[in-house]
């Protein structure tokens, strides 16, 4: 019996050690909504490392210190509030398996992808000129655009993505957009 108790004790120590190691992982440094730093609160969902300004997620600053558990929007489907399976890389949204087909999310690697808006911002920033690919004006002096570009550079490196991945996502989104346009009813009057 003594050997069994020691074995159980060893297993419990290993489980506790694993949990502490997971908690010690560093959270991200920038708010996942606005990409800026400052006073941030971390999501309490399992191993989520996303952080947010309380104001960016509709919370008051004192909620950071309330001790109440809070999970970010990445853990429920943005369409139906079901359990999320697919994630935006640069936006705090997610989709369930049932809603992925009706979304503007282009999957890149596994369960992660980019939305139409982020693809457009990435391509405009990549052009790094006054006008982007579709004639849209971009202002990299704008703090929001600069912060987004910085965040994208970090995500791109972390995920091992290339410009080709972004162009592929853009192509996929345009293809889906064209297909959905073909099936819309036409008013002939």
N, C-alpha and C. Protein backbone atom coordinates (compact mmCIF):
# COMPACT_ATOMS: atom_id res chain seq x y z
N UNK A 1 0.81 -1.20 0.00
CA UNK A 1 0.00 0.00 0.00
C UNK A 1 0.85 1.26 0.00
N UNK A 2 2.02 1.19 0.70
CA UNK A 2 2.89 2.35 0.77
C UNK A 2 3.37 2.77 -0.61
N UNK A 3 3.74 1.82 -1.43
CA UNK A 3 4.22 2.10 -2.78
C UNK A 3 3.15 2.75 -3.63
N UNK A 4 1.92 2.31 -3.47
CA UNK A 4 0.79 2.86 -4.22
C UNK A 4 0.53 4.31 -3.81
N UNK A 5 0.62 4.60 -2.50
CA UNK A 5 0.41 5.95 -2.00
C UNK A 5 1.49 6.90 -2.52
N UNK A 6 2.74 6.43 -2.55
CA UNK A 6 3.84 7.25 -3.07
C UNK A 6 3.65 7.52 -4.56
N UNK A 7 3.18 6.52 -5.28
CA UNK A 7 2.94 6.67 -6.72
C UNK A 7 1.84 7.71 -6.97
N UNK A 8 0.75 7.62 -6.19
CA UNK A 8 -0.34 8.59 -6.31
C UNK A 8 0.17 10.00 -5.98
N UNK A 9 0.99 10.09 -4.94
CA UNK A 9 1.55 11.38 -4.54
C UNK A 9 2.40 11.96 -5.67
N UNK A 10 3.19 11.11 -6.33
CA UNK A 10 4.01 11.55 -7.45
C UNK A 10 3.16 12.04 -8.61
N UNK A 11 2.08 11.32 -8.91
CA UNK A 11 1.17 11.73 -9.99
C UNK A 11 0.54 13.08 -9.67
N UNK A 12 0.11 13.27 -8.44
CA UNK A 12 -0.51 14.52 -8.03
C UNK A 12 0.48 15.68 -8.13
N UNK A 13 1.75 15.44 -7.74
CA UNK A 13 2.77 16.48 -7.85
C UNK A 13 2.99 16.86 -9.31
N UNK A 14 3.04 15.85 -10.20
CA UNK A 14 3.22 16.13 -11.62
C UNK A 14 2.05 16.93 -12.18
N UNK A 15 0.81 16.59 -11.79
CA UNK A 15 -0.36 17.34 -12.26
C UNK A 15 -0.29 18.78 -11.78
N UNK A 16 0.08 18.95 -10.50
CA UNK A 16 0.18 20.29 -9.93
C UNK A 16 1.27 21.09 -10.65
N UNK A 17 2.40 20.44 -10.92
CA UNK A 17 3.51 21.09 -11.61
C UNK A 17 3.09 21.54 -13.00
N UNK A 18 2.37 20.68 -13.74
CA UNK A 18 1.88 21.02 -15.07
C UNK A 18 0.96 22.24 -15.02
N UNK A 19 0.04 22.26 -14.05
CA UNK A 19 -0.91 23.36 -13.92
C UNK A 19 -0.15 24.66 -13.65
N UNK A 20 0.84 24.65 -12.79
CA UNK A 20 1.63 25.84 -12.47
C UNK A 20 2.38 26.31 -13.70
N UNK A 21 2.97 25.36 -14.46
CA UNK A 21 3.68 25.73 -15.68
C UNK A 21 2.75 26.40 -16.68
N UNK A 22 1.52 25.89 -16.83
CA UNK A 22 0.56 26.49 -17.74
C UNK A 22 0.19 27.89 -17.29
N UNK A 23 0.02 28.09 -15.99
CA UNK A 23 -0.34 29.40 -15.47
C UNK A 23 0.81 30.38 -15.63
N UNK A 24 2.04 29.89 -15.64
CA UNK A 24 3.21 30.75 -15.75
C UNK A 24 3.48 31.21 -17.18
N UNK A 25 2.79 30.65 -18.17
CA UNK A 25 2.99 31.10 -19.53
C UNK A 25 2.69 32.59 -19.61
N UNK A 26 3.46 33.29 -20.40
CA UNK A 26 3.27 34.72 -20.51
C UNK A 26 2.07 35.05 -21.37
N UNK A 27 1.28 35.97 -20.88
CA UNK A 27 0.15 36.45 -21.67
C UNK A 27 0.71 37.39 -22.74
N UNK A 28 -0.15 37.76 -23.67
CA UNK A 28 0.27 38.70 -24.70
C UNK A 28 0.47 40.08 -24.07
N UNK A 29 1.15 40.95 -24.77
CA UNK A 29 1.47 42.27 -24.24
C UNK A 29 0.51 43.37 -24.70
N UNK A 30 -0.28 43.08 -25.75
CA UNK A 30 -1.15 44.10 -26.32
C UNK A 30 -2.59 43.65 -26.33
N UNK A 31 -3.47 44.61 -26.12
CA UNK A 31 -4.92 44.35 -26.16
C UNK A 31 -5.29 43.73 -27.50
N UNK A 32 -6.07 42.66 -27.47
CA UNK A 32 -6.44 41.96 -28.69
C UNK A 32 -7.51 42.71 -29.50
N UNK A 33 -8.07 43.77 -28.92
CA UNK A 33 -9.05 44.58 -29.65
C UNK A 33 -8.40 45.78 -30.34
N UNK A 34 -7.59 46.53 -29.59
CA UNK A 34 -7.03 47.77 -30.15
C UNK A 34 -5.52 47.68 -30.40
N UNK A 35 -4.89 46.58 -29.98
CA UNK A 35 -3.46 46.32 -30.20
C UNK A 35 -2.53 47.26 -29.45
N UNK A 36 -3.04 47.96 -28.43
CA UNK A 36 -2.23 48.87 -27.64
C UNK A 36 -1.95 48.23 -26.28
N UNK A 37 -0.93 48.70 -25.61
CA UNK A 37 -0.56 48.18 -24.30
C UNK A 37 -1.28 48.93 -23.19
N UNK A 38 -0.81 48.76 -21.98
CA UNK A 38 -1.39 49.47 -20.84
C UNK A 38 -1.92 48.50 -19.80
N UNK A 39 -2.93 48.95 -19.07
CA UNK A 39 -3.55 48.12 -18.03
C UNK A 39 -4.48 47.12 -18.71
N UNK A 40 -4.09 45.86 -18.68
CA UNK A 40 -4.81 44.82 -19.42
C UNK A 40 -5.30 43.72 -18.49
N UNK A 41 -6.43 43.12 -18.84
CA UNK A 41 -6.94 41.97 -18.09
C UNK A 41 -6.84 40.74 -18.98
N UNK A 42 -6.45 39.63 -18.38
CA UNK A 42 -6.25 38.39 -19.13
C UNK A 42 -7.51 37.54 -19.07
N UNK A 43 -7.78 36.86 -20.15
CA UNK A 43 -8.90 35.93 -20.22
C UNK A 43 -8.64 34.76 -19.26
N UNK A 44 -9.68 34.32 -18.58
CA UNK A 44 -9.55 33.22 -17.62
C UNK A 44 -9.84 31.85 -18.22
N UNK A 45 -10.08 31.77 -19.51
CA UNK A 45 -10.40 30.49 -20.15
C UNK A 45 -9.12 29.65 -20.28
N UNK A 46 -9.16 28.44 -19.81
CA UNK A 46 -8.07 27.44 -19.89
C UNK A 46 -6.71 28.04 -20.17
N UNK A 47 -6.21 27.86 -21.38
CA UNK A 47 -4.86 28.31 -21.70
C UNK A 47 -4.85 29.54 -22.60
N UNK A 48 -5.92 30.31 -22.58
CA UNK A 48 -6.00 31.53 -23.39
C UNK A 48 -5.03 32.57 -22.82
N UNK A 49 -4.26 33.16 -23.69
CA UNK A 49 -3.27 34.16 -23.28
C UNK A 49 -3.64 35.56 -23.77
N UNK A 50 -4.86 35.72 -24.31
CA UNK A 50 -5.29 37.00 -24.83
C UNK A 50 -5.59 37.96 -23.69
N UNK A 51 -5.23 39.23 -23.91
CA UNK A 51 -5.46 40.28 -22.92
C UNK A 51 -6.22 41.43 -23.57
N UNK A 52 -6.92 42.19 -22.74
CA UNK A 52 -7.78 43.26 -23.23
C UNK A 52 -7.80 44.42 -22.25
N UNK A 53 -8.00 45.63 -22.79
CA UNK A 53 -8.33 46.76 -21.93
C UNK A 53 -9.77 46.54 -21.48
N UNK A 54 -10.08 46.79 -20.23
CA UNK A 54 -11.47 46.61 -19.78
C UNK A 54 -12.46 47.38 -20.67
N UNK A 55 -12.13 48.61 -21.03
CA UNK A 55 -13.03 49.42 -21.86
C UNK A 55 -13.26 48.84 -23.24
N UNK A 56 -12.28 48.12 -23.78
CA UNK A 56 -12.41 47.52 -25.12
C UNK A 56 -13.40 46.36 -25.14
N UNK A 57 -13.68 45.78 -23.97
CA UNK A 57 -14.63 44.66 -23.89
C UNK A 57 -15.85 45.00 -23.04
N UNK A 58 -16.12 46.32 -22.90
CA UNK A 58 -17.32 46.75 -22.19
C UNK A 58 -17.29 46.58 -20.68
N UNK A 59 -16.10 46.55 -20.11
CA UNK A 59 -15.96 46.40 -18.65
C UNK A 59 -15.41 47.70 -18.06
N UNK A 60 -15.64 47.89 -16.77
CA UNK A 60 -15.06 49.03 -16.06
C UNK A 60 -13.67 48.64 -15.60
N UNK A 61 -12.81 49.62 -15.45
CA UNK A 61 -11.42 49.36 -15.06
C UNK A 61 -11.33 48.58 -13.75
N UNK A 62 -12.21 48.85 -12.81
CA UNK A 62 -12.13 48.16 -11.52
C UNK A 62 -12.49 46.68 -11.62
N UNK A 63 -13.05 46.26 -12.75
CA UNK A 63 -13.37 44.83 -12.92
C UNK A 63 -12.10 43.99 -13.02
N UNK A 64 -10.96 44.63 -13.31
CA UNK A 64 -9.69 43.92 -13.37
C UNK A 64 -9.30 43.35 -12.00
N UNK A 65 -9.79 43.99 -10.96
CA UNK A 65 -9.37 43.64 -9.61
C UNK A 65 -10.50 43.00 -8.80
N UNK A 66 -11.59 42.67 -9.45
CA UNK A 66 -12.77 42.16 -8.73
C UNK A 66 -12.61 40.71 -8.29
N UNK A 67 -11.71 39.97 -8.93
CA UNK A 67 -11.53 38.57 -8.60
C UNK A 67 -12.53 37.65 -9.31
N UNK A 68 -13.45 38.23 -10.06
CA UNK A 68 -14.42 37.43 -10.81
C UNK A 68 -13.77 36.89 -12.07
N UNK A 69 -14.15 35.66 -12.42
CA UNK A 69 -13.64 35.04 -13.65
C UNK A 69 -14.30 35.70 -14.85
N UNK A 70 -13.53 35.86 -15.92
CA UNK A 70 -14.03 36.46 -17.14
C UNK A 70 -13.38 35.75 -18.33
N UNK A 71 -14.17 35.42 -19.33
CA UNK A 71 -13.61 34.82 -20.55
C UNK A 71 -13.92 35.72 -21.73
N UNK A 72 -12.99 35.78 -22.65
CA UNK A 72 -13.14 36.65 -23.82
C UNK A 72 -14.05 36.01 -24.87
N UNK A 73 -14.40 36.82 -25.85
CA UNK A 73 -15.36 36.39 -26.88
C UNK A 73 -14.83 35.29 -27.80
N UNK A 74 -13.54 35.01 -27.76
CA UNK A 74 -12.98 33.96 -28.62
C UNK A 74 -13.45 32.56 -28.24
N UNK A 75 -14.15 32.44 -27.14
CA UNK A 75 -14.53 31.11 -26.67
C UNK A 75 -16.01 30.80 -26.91
N UNK A 76 -16.65 31.65 -27.72
CA UNK A 76 -18.01 31.35 -28.16
C UNK A 76 -18.19 31.90 -29.57
N UNK A 77 -18.98 31.22 -30.35
CA UNK A 77 -19.20 31.58 -31.75
C UNK A 77 -19.83 32.97 -31.84
N UNK A 78 -19.29 33.80 -32.70
CA UNK A 78 -19.79 35.16 -32.89
C UNK A 78 -21.19 35.16 -33.51
N UNK A 79 -21.57 34.09 -34.19
CA UNK A 79 -22.87 34.00 -34.85
C UNK A 79 -23.94 33.43 -33.92
N UNK A 80 -23.68 32.26 -33.33
CA UNK A 80 -24.73 31.56 -32.57
C UNK A 80 -24.40 31.38 -31.08
N UNK A 81 -23.25 31.83 -30.64
CA UNK A 81 -22.78 31.71 -29.25
C UNK A 81 -22.45 30.27 -28.85
N UNK A 82 -22.37 29.36 -29.81
CA UNK A 82 -21.97 27.98 -29.54
C UNK A 82 -20.48 27.90 -29.21
N UNK A 83 -20.00 26.70 -29.00
CA UNK A 83 -18.59 26.48 -28.67
C UNK A 83 -17.72 26.75 -29.89
N UNK A 84 -16.72 27.59 -29.73
CA UNK A 84 -15.87 27.98 -30.86
C UNK A 84 -14.88 26.88 -31.24
N UNK A 85 -14.58 26.83 -32.53
CA UNK A 85 -13.59 25.88 -33.08
C UNK A 85 -12.62 26.55 -34.03
N UNK A 86 -13.02 27.70 -34.61
CA UNK A 86 -12.20 28.40 -35.58
C UNK A 86 -12.01 29.85 -35.10
N UNK A 87 -10.78 30.36 -35.25
CA UNK A 87 -10.42 31.63 -34.65
C UNK A 87 -9.84 32.62 -35.65
N UNK A 88 -10.21 33.89 -35.49
CA UNK A 88 -9.58 34.96 -36.24
C UNK A 88 -8.21 35.18 -35.62
N UNK A 89 -7.19 35.42 -36.43
CA UNK A 89 -5.85 35.66 -35.90
C UNK A 89 -5.66 37.08 -35.39
N UNK A 90 -6.37 38.03 -35.96
CA UNK A 90 -6.16 39.43 -35.59
C UNK A 90 -7.40 40.10 -35.04
N UNK A 91 -8.46 39.37 -34.83
CA UNK A 91 -9.71 39.91 -34.28
C UNK A 91 -10.19 39.00 -33.15
N UNK A 92 -10.87 39.56 -32.17
CA UNK A 92 -11.33 38.75 -31.03
C UNK A 92 -12.63 38.00 -31.30
N UNK A 93 -12.69 37.31 -32.41
CA UNK A 93 -13.90 36.57 -32.78
C UNK A 93 -13.57 35.10 -33.02
N UNK A 94 -14.61 34.29 -33.02
CA UNK A 94 -14.46 32.86 -33.28
C UNK A 94 -15.77 32.33 -33.85
N UNK A 95 -15.69 31.15 -34.44
CA UNK A 95 -16.86 30.51 -35.04
C UNK A 95 -16.94 29.05 -34.61
N UNK A 96 -18.16 28.53 -34.59
CA UNK A 96 -18.34 27.10 -34.34
C UNK A 96 -18.29 26.36 -35.68
N UNK A 97 -18.33 25.07 -35.62
CA UNK A 97 -18.26 24.23 -36.82
C UNK A 97 -19.45 24.50 -37.76
N UNK A 98 -20.63 24.73 -37.20
CA UNK A 98 -21.83 24.93 -38.02
C UNK A 98 -21.86 26.28 -38.73
N UNK A 99 -21.22 27.29 -38.16
CA UNK A 99 -21.31 28.65 -38.72
C UNK A 99 -20.13 29.03 -39.62
N UNK A 100 -19.11 28.19 -39.71
CA UNK A 100 -17.91 28.54 -40.48
C UNK A 100 -18.23 28.79 -41.96
N UNK A 101 -19.16 28.04 -42.53
CA UNK A 101 -19.47 28.18 -43.95
C UNK A 101 -20.08 29.51 -44.34
N UNK A 102 -20.75 30.17 -43.41
CA UNK A 102 -21.43 31.42 -43.71
C UNK A 102 -20.60 32.64 -43.28
N UNK A 103 -19.33 32.46 -43.09
CA UNK A 103 -18.51 33.56 -42.56
C UNK A 103 -17.57 34.12 -43.61
N UNK A 104 -16.97 35.23 -43.24
CA UNK A 104 -15.93 35.83 -44.07
C UNK A 104 -14.56 35.55 -43.43
N UNK A 105 -14.34 34.30 -43.08
CA UNK A 105 -13.08 33.88 -42.48
C UNK A 105 -12.38 32.95 -43.46
N UNK A 106 -11.17 33.31 -43.83
CA UNK A 106 -10.36 32.45 -44.69
C UNK A 106 -9.37 31.72 -43.79
N UNK A 107 -9.51 30.41 -43.70
CA UNK A 107 -8.62 29.62 -42.86
C UNK A 107 -7.22 29.58 -43.48
N UNK A 108 -6.22 29.73 -42.63
CA UNK A 108 -4.83 29.70 -43.10
C UNK A 108 -4.13 28.43 -42.64
N UNK A 109 -4.13 28.22 -41.35
CA UNK A 109 -3.47 27.06 -40.77
C UNK A 109 -4.37 26.46 -39.71
N UNK A 110 -4.74 25.24 -39.88
CA UNK A 110 -5.56 24.58 -38.87
C UNK A 110 -6.86 25.29 -38.62
N UNK A 111 -7.02 25.78 -37.42
CA UNK A 111 -8.26 26.42 -37.00
C UNK A 111 -8.17 27.94 -36.99
N UNK A 112 -7.09 28.50 -37.50
CA UNK A 112 -6.88 29.95 -37.48
C UNK A 112 -7.00 30.55 -38.87
N UNK A 113 -7.54 31.77 -38.91
CA UNK A 113 -7.70 32.42 -40.20
C UNK A 113 -7.77 33.93 -40.08
N UNK A 114 -8.04 34.55 -41.21
CA UNK A 114 -8.15 36.00 -41.29
C UNK A 114 -9.50 36.38 -41.88
N UNK A 115 -10.07 37.47 -41.37
CA UNK A 115 -11.32 37.97 -41.93
C UNK A 115 -11.01 38.91 -43.09
N UNK A 116 -12.04 39.25 -43.81
CA UNK A 116 -11.92 40.12 -44.99
C UNK A 116 -11.30 41.47 -44.61
N UNK A 117 -11.75 42.03 -43.50
CA UNK A 117 -11.27 43.33 -43.06
C UNK A 117 -9.77 43.29 -42.73
N UNK A 118 -9.33 42.26 -42.01
CA UNK A 118 -7.90 42.17 -41.65
C UNK A 118 -7.03 41.89 -42.87
N UNK A 119 -7.51 41.05 -43.79
CA UNK A 119 -6.75 40.80 -45.01
C UNK A 119 -6.53 42.12 -45.75
N UNK A 120 -7.59 42.91 -45.84
CA UNK A 120 -7.50 44.20 -46.52
C UNK A 120 -6.49 45.11 -45.82
N UNK A 121 -6.53 45.17 -44.48
CA UNK A 121 -5.59 46.01 -43.73
C UNK A 121 -4.16 45.53 -43.90
N UNK A 122 -3.96 44.22 -43.90
CA UNK A 122 -2.61 43.67 -44.05
C UNK A 122 -2.05 44.00 -45.43
N UNK A 123 -2.87 43.83 -46.45
CA UNK A 123 -2.42 44.11 -47.82
C UNK A 123 -2.15 45.60 -48.02
N UNK A 124 -2.97 46.45 -47.42
CA UNK A 124 -2.73 47.89 -47.51
C UNK A 124 -1.43 48.26 -46.80
N UNK A 125 -1.21 47.70 -45.64
CA UNK A 125 0.03 47.99 -44.91
C UNK A 125 1.24 47.45 -45.66
N UNK A 126 1.07 46.29 -46.30
CA UNK A 126 2.17 45.71 -47.07
C UNK A 126 2.55 46.60 -48.24
N UNK A 127 1.54 47.16 -48.88
CA UNK A 127 1.81 48.09 -49.98
C UNK A 127 2.58 49.30 -49.47
N UNK A 128 2.26 49.70 -48.20
CA UNK A 128 2.94 50.80 -47.53
C UNK A 128 3.03 52.05 -48.40
N UNK A 129 1.94 52.32 -49.09
CA UNK A 129 1.89 53.51 -49.91
C UNK A 129 0.63 54.28 -49.58
N UNK A 130 0.47 55.43 -50.21
CA UNK A 130 -0.69 56.25 -49.92
C UNK A 130 -1.98 55.54 -50.31
N UNK A 131 -1.95 54.77 -51.40
CA UNK A 131 -3.12 54.03 -51.84
C UNK A 131 -2.81 52.55 -51.92
N UNK A 132 -3.75 51.75 -51.55
CA UNK A 132 -3.56 50.31 -51.54
C UNK A 132 -4.00 49.66 -52.84
N UNK A 133 -4.13 48.33 -52.80
CA UNK A 133 -4.43 47.54 -53.98
C UNK A 133 -5.75 47.88 -54.66
N UNK A 134 -6.75 48.26 -53.87
CA UNK A 134 -8.07 48.53 -54.44
C UNK A 134 -8.38 50.02 -54.45
N UNK A 135 -7.36 50.86 -54.42
CA UNK A 135 -7.56 52.31 -54.45
C UNK A 135 -7.94 52.90 -53.10
N UNK A 136 -7.89 52.11 -52.04
CA UNK A 136 -8.25 52.60 -50.71
C UNK A 136 -7.06 53.33 -50.12
N UNK A 137 -7.34 54.45 -49.50
CA UNK A 137 -6.28 55.25 -48.89
C UNK A 137 -5.91 54.64 -47.53
N UNK A 138 -4.62 54.56 -47.27
CA UNK A 138 -4.14 54.07 -45.97
C UNK A 138 -3.21 55.12 -45.38
N UNK A 139 -3.32 55.29 -44.10
CA UNK A 139 -2.51 56.26 -43.39
C UNK A 139 -1.75 55.54 -42.29
N UNK A 140 -0.50 55.17 -42.56
CA UNK A 140 0.29 54.46 -41.55
C UNK A 140 0.75 55.38 -40.43
N UNK A 141 0.48 56.67 -40.57
CA UNK A 141 0.74 57.58 -39.46
C UNK A 141 -0.38 57.48 -38.43
N UNK A 142 -1.52 56.94 -38.85
CA UNK A 142 -2.66 56.71 -37.95
C UNK A 142 -2.25 55.65 -36.94
N UNK A 143 -2.37 55.96 -35.65
CA UNK A 143 -1.91 55.04 -34.60
C UNK A 143 -2.60 53.68 -34.69
N UNK A 144 -3.90 53.65 -35.00
CA UNK A 144 -4.62 52.38 -35.09
C UNK A 144 -4.01 51.48 -36.17
N UNK A 145 -3.71 52.06 -37.32
CA UNK A 145 -3.14 51.27 -38.41
C UNK A 145 -1.72 50.83 -38.08
N UNK A 146 -0.96 51.69 -37.44
CA UNK A 146 0.41 51.35 -37.08
C UNK A 146 0.41 50.23 -36.05
N UNK A 147 -0.48 50.33 -35.03
CA UNK A 147 -0.56 49.28 -34.01
C UNK A 147 -1.00 47.95 -34.62
N UNK A 148 -1.96 48.01 -35.53
CA UNK A 148 -2.41 46.79 -36.20
C UNK A 148 -1.25 46.15 -36.97
N UNK A 149 -0.50 46.98 -37.70
CA UNK A 149 0.62 46.46 -38.48
C UNK A 149 1.66 45.80 -37.57
N UNK A 150 1.96 46.41 -36.44
CA UNK A 150 2.90 45.84 -35.48
C UNK A 150 2.38 44.50 -34.95
N UNK A 151 1.09 44.46 -34.62
CA UNK A 151 0.50 43.22 -34.11
C UNK A 151 0.56 42.13 -35.17
N UNK A 152 0.24 42.49 -36.41
CA UNK A 152 0.27 41.51 -37.49
C UNK A 152 1.68 40.94 -37.65
N UNK A 153 2.70 41.74 -37.56
CA UNK A 153 4.08 41.27 -37.69
C UNK A 153 4.39 40.20 -36.63
N UNK A 154 3.90 40.41 -35.42
CA UNK A 154 4.11 39.44 -34.34
C UNK A 154 3.36 38.15 -34.64
N UNK A 155 2.09 38.27 -35.03
CA UNK A 155 1.26 37.10 -35.34
C UNK A 155 1.87 36.33 -36.50
N UNK A 156 2.29 37.05 -37.53
CA UNK A 156 2.86 36.42 -38.73
C UNK A 156 4.08 35.57 -38.36
N UNK A 157 4.94 36.13 -37.53
CA UNK A 157 6.14 35.39 -37.12
C UNK A 157 5.77 34.19 -36.24
N UNK A 158 4.89 34.42 -35.27
CA UNK A 158 4.49 33.37 -34.34
C UNK A 158 3.83 32.20 -35.07
N UNK A 159 3.00 32.49 -36.06
CA UNK A 159 2.25 31.47 -36.80
C UNK A 159 3.03 30.93 -38.00
N UNK A 160 4.16 31.54 -38.33
CA UNK A 160 4.94 31.10 -39.49
C UNK A 160 4.24 31.39 -40.81
N UNK A 161 3.57 32.53 -40.89
CA UNK A 161 2.83 32.90 -42.10
C UNK A 161 3.68 33.73 -43.04
N UNK A 162 3.28 33.72 -44.30
CA UNK A 162 3.99 34.49 -45.32
C UNK A 162 3.01 35.40 -46.05
N UNK A 163 3.55 36.26 -46.89
CA UNK A 163 2.70 37.11 -47.73
C UNK A 163 1.83 36.25 -48.62
N UNK A 164 2.37 35.13 -49.07
CA UNK A 164 1.61 34.21 -49.92
C UNK A 164 0.36 33.70 -49.21
N UNK A 165 0.45 33.47 -47.91
CA UNK A 165 -0.72 33.03 -47.15
C UNK A 165 -1.81 34.10 -47.16
N UNK A 166 -1.40 35.36 -47.04
CA UNK A 166 -2.36 36.46 -47.03
C UNK A 166 -3.00 36.62 -48.41
N UNK A 167 -2.19 36.54 -49.45
CA UNK A 167 -2.74 36.63 -50.81
C UNK A 167 -3.69 35.47 -51.10
N UNK A 168 -3.36 34.31 -50.59
CA UNK A 168 -4.23 33.14 -50.75
C UNK A 168 -5.55 33.35 -50.02
N UNK A 169 -5.49 33.90 -48.81
CA UNK A 169 -6.71 34.20 -48.05
C UNK A 169 -7.56 35.22 -48.79
N UNK A 170 -6.91 36.23 -49.35
CA UNK A 170 -7.63 37.26 -50.11
C UNK A 170 -8.33 36.65 -51.32
N UNK A 171 -7.62 35.79 -52.02
CA UNK A 171 -8.19 35.12 -53.18
C UNK A 171 -9.39 34.25 -52.79
N UNK A 172 -9.25 33.51 -51.70
CA UNK A 172 -10.32 32.65 -51.22
C UNK A 172 -11.56 33.46 -50.86
N UNK A 173 -11.36 34.58 -50.17
CA UNK A 173 -12.49 35.43 -49.78
C UNK A 173 -13.17 36.04 -51.00
N UNK A 174 -12.39 36.48 -51.98
CA UNK A 174 -12.98 37.05 -53.20
C UNK A 174 -13.76 35.99 -53.98
N UNK A 175 -13.21 34.79 -54.03
CA UNK A 175 -13.87 33.70 -54.74
C UNK A 175 -15.23 33.41 -54.10
N UNK A 176 -15.25 33.34 -52.78
CA UNK A 176 -16.52 33.08 -52.07
C UNK A 176 -17.50 34.22 -52.25
N UNK A 177 -16.98 35.44 -52.27
CA UNK A 177 -17.85 36.60 -52.47
C UNK A 177 -18.48 36.56 -53.87
N UNK A 178 -17.69 36.22 -54.87
CA UNK A 178 -18.21 36.12 -56.24
C UNK A 178 -19.23 35.00 -56.37
N UNK A 179 -18.98 33.88 -55.72
CA UNK A 179 -19.93 32.76 -55.77
C UNK A 179 -21.25 33.13 -55.12
N UNK A 180 -21.21 33.83 -54.01
CA UNK A 180 -22.46 34.19 -53.33
C UNK A 180 -23.23 35.23 -54.12
N UNK A 181 -22.52 36.08 -54.87
CA UNK A 181 -23.20 37.10 -55.70
C UNK A 181 -23.96 36.44 -56.85
N UNK A 182 -23.46 35.35 -57.37
CA UNK A 182 -24.11 34.69 -58.51
C UNK A 182 -25.49 34.14 -58.15
N UNK A 183 -25.71 33.86 -56.87
CA UNK A 183 -26.96 33.23 -56.47
C UNK A 183 -27.98 34.21 -55.90
N UNK A 184 -27.65 35.51 -55.91
CA UNK A 184 -28.60 36.48 -55.42
C UNK A 184 -29.68 36.74 -56.46
N UNK A 185 -30.93 36.90 -56.03
CA UNK A 185 -31.99 37.18 -57.00
C UNK A 185 -31.79 38.55 -57.64
N UNK A 186 -32.09 38.65 -58.90
CA UNK A 186 -31.92 39.90 -59.63
C UNK A 186 -33.28 40.54 -59.83
N UNK A 187 -33.39 41.81 -59.48
CA UNK A 187 -34.62 42.55 -59.68
C UNK A 187 -34.60 43.14 -61.08
N UNK A 188 -35.49 42.69 -61.97
CA UNK A 188 -35.44 43.14 -63.36
C UNK A 188 -36.30 44.38 -63.60
N UNK A 189 -36.95 44.89 -62.60
CA UNK A 189 -37.78 46.08 -62.79
C UNK A 189 -37.07 47.34 -62.44
